Amino acid sequence: MEYSAEGKVLLRPGSTHWIGVVAVGGIGTSRFGVPRGRPATVFEDGVVSQDLLPGTLTAYQNLGWLQSENSPHQLTWAARLDWTPLNRFTLIGEIYGEGRADPFLQAALRTVLLSDRIEADVSLTRAGPFDARQTWVTVGLTFMSTPLYGPETDDSR
C-alpha cells in the first residue's frame, strides 16, 4: 500500500480556443514513511490540456520527472482523454509511463459528489510486460479548494 499527496496549480485556464497549463508536484511513501519494499518518491509534472468538444471531450498531455529513493531519475509521460457524457460523470482513458519501462493503461470513472469541491473515482490499471501484466483497482477522492484567484471584475460598469 502506498500513500501519496500532490498539489496542483492552474497556470493558465483552458477554454474552447486556448490551451490550459497545470503544474503538479508531490510525494509518495509506503506505510507513512516506514519502508516496506516501496521507496519514497518525489515527482513533478507539467500538464497541457485542450478542450476538443467544449464540456464533453478533453485531451491531456503530461511530461514530468520522477525520483524514487532506490532508483535513478526518470522521465514520465502520459496521454489522456476525458469524456463527460453526463454532467456529473466522466469516463477517462489514459496511457502513461516512466522512463523506458512498459506503459501503464488505465480506465476510470469519475463522479462529482459536491460540485467544484469533491470528486470520487474508481480506476482499473494494467501494467508490466505484455506476457506478465499486473492489474489493480484504485479508489480515490479529490478535495478542491476555492480558487486562489478569479476573473477580474470591473465595478465601473
Protein backbone atom coordinates (compact mmCIF):
# COMPACT_ATOMS: atom_id res chain seq x y z
CA MET A 1 0.00 0.00 0.00
CA GLU A 2 1.34 3.42 -0.90
CA TYR A 3 0.21 6.81 0.32
CA SER A 4 0.79 9.92 -1.73
CA ALA A 5 -0.04 13.60 -1.67
CA GLU A 6 0.17 16.08 -4.51
CA GLY A 7 -0.54 19.70 -5.18
CA LYS A 8 -1.68 21.27 -8.44
CA VAL A 9 -1.54 24.87 -9.58
CA LEU A 10 -3.53 26.09 -12.57
CA LEU A 11 -1.14 28.30 -14.52
CA ARG A 12 -3.49 29.07 -17.38
CA PRO A 13 -7.18 28.13 -17.51
CA GLY A 14 -8.31 26.24 -20.59
CA SER A 15 -11.17 27.30 -22.81
CA THR A 16 -12.55 26.42 -26.21
CA HIS A 17 -9.84 28.39 -28.03
CA TRP A 18 -6.93 28.15 -25.58
CA ILE A 19 -4.65 25.56 -24.08
CA GLY A 20 -4.73 25.02 -20.30
CA VAL A 21 -1.48 24.52 -18.37
CA VAL A 22 -1.08 22.97 -14.89
CA ALA A 23 1.98 22.35 -12.67
CA VAL A 24 1.86 19.30 -10.36
CA GLY A 25 4.23 18.21 -7.61
CA GLY A 26 4.01 15.53 -4.96
CA ILE A 27 5.50 12.86 -2.75
CA GLY A 28 4.70 9.21 -2.13
CA THR A 29 5.67 6.83 0.65
CA SER A 30 4.66 3.40 1.86
CA ARG A 31 3.16 2.98 5.33
CA PHE A 32 3.70 6.67 6.24
CA GLY A 33 7.47 6.59 5.93
CA VAL A 34 8.29 3.05 7.06
CA PRO A 35 10.00 1.42 4.04
CA ARG A 36 8.45 -1.96 3.21
CA GLY A 37 9.70 -2.74 -0.25
CA ARG A 38 8.32 0.51 -1.73
CA PRO A 39 10.65 3.54 -1.79
CA ALA A 40 9.68 7.13 -1.11
CA THR A 41 9.17 9.15 -4.29
CA VAL A 42 9.16 12.78 -5.38
CA PHE A 43 7.63 13.89 -8.68
CA GLU A 44 6.92 16.97 -10.79
CA ASP A 45 4.75 17.19 -13.90
CA GLY A 46 3.64 19.74 -16.43
CA VAL A 47 0.20 19.11 -17.92
CA VAL A 48 -1.26 20.65 -21.07
CA SER A 49 -4.95 20.29 -21.90
CA GLN A 50 -7.11 21.01 -24.93
CA ASP A 51 -10.89 21.21 -24.91
CA LEU A 52 -11.71 19.21 -28.08
CA LEU A 53 -15.52 19.31 -27.67
CA PRO A 54 -16.45 22.02 -25.15
CA GLY A 55 -17.70 20.47 -21.92
CA THR A 56 -17.62 16.95 -23.36
CA LEU A 57 -14.16 15.80 -24.56
CA THR A 58 -10.80 16.99 -23.24
CA ALA A 59 -7.29 15.78 -24.12
CA TYR A 60 -4.34 15.96 -21.71
CA GLN A 61 -0.61 15.53 -22.31
CA ASN A 62 1.83 15.24 -19.44
CA LEU A 63 5.61 15.39 -19.24
CA GLY A 64 7.46 15.13 -15.95
CA TRP A 65 10.19 13.82 -13.69
CA LEU A 66 10.22 11.13 -11.00
CA GLN A 67 12.84 10.39 -8.35
CA SER A 68 12.48 7.18 -6.36
CA GLU A 69 14.72 6.67 -3.35
CA ASN A 70 16.34 3.49 -4.75
CA SER A 71 16.40 4.26 -8.49
CA PRO A 72 17.70 6.91 -10.91
CA HIS A 73 15.74 9.97 -12.01
CA GLN A 74 13.23 9.11 -14.72
CA LEU A 75 11.26 10.97 -17.35
CA THR A 76 7.49 10.45 -17.02
CA TRP A 77 4.86 10.94 -19.72
CA ALA A 78 1.14 10.49 -20.24
CA ALA A 79 -1.68 10.96 -22.75
CA ARG A 80 -5.31 11.02 -21.60
CA LEU A 81 -8.84 11.60 -22.89
CA ASP A 82 -11.74 12.60 -20.60
CA TRP A 83 -15.27 12.14 -21.94
CA THR A 84 -18.18 13.61 -19.98
CA PRO A 85 -21.39 12.09 -21.41
CA LEU A 86 -23.42 13.22 -18.36
CA ASN A 87 -22.97 16.34 -16.26
CA ARG A 88 -21.68 14.54 -13.12
CA PHE A 89 -19.86 11.55 -14.69
CA THR A 90 -16.61 11.39 -16.64
CA LEU A 91 -15.01 8.38 -18.35
CA ILE A 92 -11.21 8.54 -18.53
CA GLY A 93 -8.80 6.59 -20.72
CA GLU A 94 -5.06 7.02 -20.19
CA ILE A 95 -1.69 5.60 -21.18
CA TYR A 96 1.37 6.63 -19.15
CA GLY A 97 4.89 5.54 -18.37
CA GLU A 98 8.16 6.08 -16.56
CA GLY A 99 11.49 6.01 -18.36
CA ARG A 100 11.76 3.17 -20.88
CA ALA A 101 9.53 0.77 -18.91
CA ASP A 102 6.40 -0.75 -20.45
CA PRO A 103 3.47 1.71 -20.33
CA PHE A 104 0.53 1.59 -17.94
CA LEU A 105 -3.02 1.50 -19.33
CA GLN A 106 -5.82 2.95 -17.22
CA ALA A 107 -9.60 3.31 -17.46
CA ALA A 108 -11.51 5.27 -14.83
CA LEU A 109 -14.95 6.53 -13.89
CA ARG A 110 -15.09 9.86 -12.03
CA THR A 111 -18.18 11.33 -10.41
CA VAL A 112 -18.85 14.70 -8.83
CA LEU A 113 -20.01 14.37 -5.21
CA LEU A 114 -20.06 18.10 -4.41
CA SER A 115 -19.76 20.47 -7.37
CA ASP A 116 -16.30 22.12 -7.61
CA ARG A 117 -15.30 20.68 -4.20
CA ILE A 118 -15.29 16.83 -4.01
CA GLU A 119 -14.90 14.13 -6.69
CA ALA A 120 -14.61 10.35 -6.37
CA ASP A 121 -13.08 7.98 -8.88
CA VAL A 122 -12.50 4.29 -9.46
CA SER A 123 -9.78 3.24 -11.88
CA LEU A 124 -8.59 -0.04 -13.35
CA THR A 125 -4.87 -0.14 -14.26
CA ARG A 126 -2.87 -2.70 -16.28
CA ALA A 127 0.92 -2.59 -16.27
CA GLY A 128 4.03 -4.59 -16.97
CA PRO A 129 5.39 -6.63 -19.85
CA PHE A 130 2.73 -7.96 -22.22
CA ASP A 131 3.18 -11.59 -21.13
CA ALA A 132 3.15 -10.80 -17.37
CA ARG A 133 0.78 -7.86 -16.93
CA GLN A 134 -0.47 -6.91 -13.48
CA THR A 135 -3.94 -5.44 -12.88
CA TRP A 136 -5.19 -3.41 -9.92
CA VAL A 137 -8.07 -1.15 -8.90
CA THR A 138 -7.66 2.24 -7.23
CA VAL A 139 -10.33 4.25 -5.40
CA GLY A 140 -9.68 7.96 -4.92
CA LEU A 141 -11.19 11.14 -3.52
CA THR A 142 -10.27 14.61 -4.73
CA PHE A 143 -10.85 17.62 -2.49
CA MET A 144 -10.67 21.02 -4.21
CA SER A 145 -10.17 24.40 -2.56
CA THR A 146 -11.81 27.63 -3.61
CA PRO A 147 -9.85 29.32 -6.40
CA LEU A 148 -6.92 31.41 -5.23
CA TYR A 149 -7.70 33.91 -7.96
CA GLY A 150 -10.71 34.62 -10.12
CA PRO A 151 -11.68 36.62 -13.14
CA GLU A 152 -11.07 40.28 -12.74
CA THR A 153 -14.24 42.27 -12.27
CA ASP A 154 -14.85 45.80 -13.39
CA ASP A 155 -17.05 47.61 -10.86
CA SER A 156 -17.24 50.77 -13.01
CA ARG A 157 -19.89 49.31 -15.31
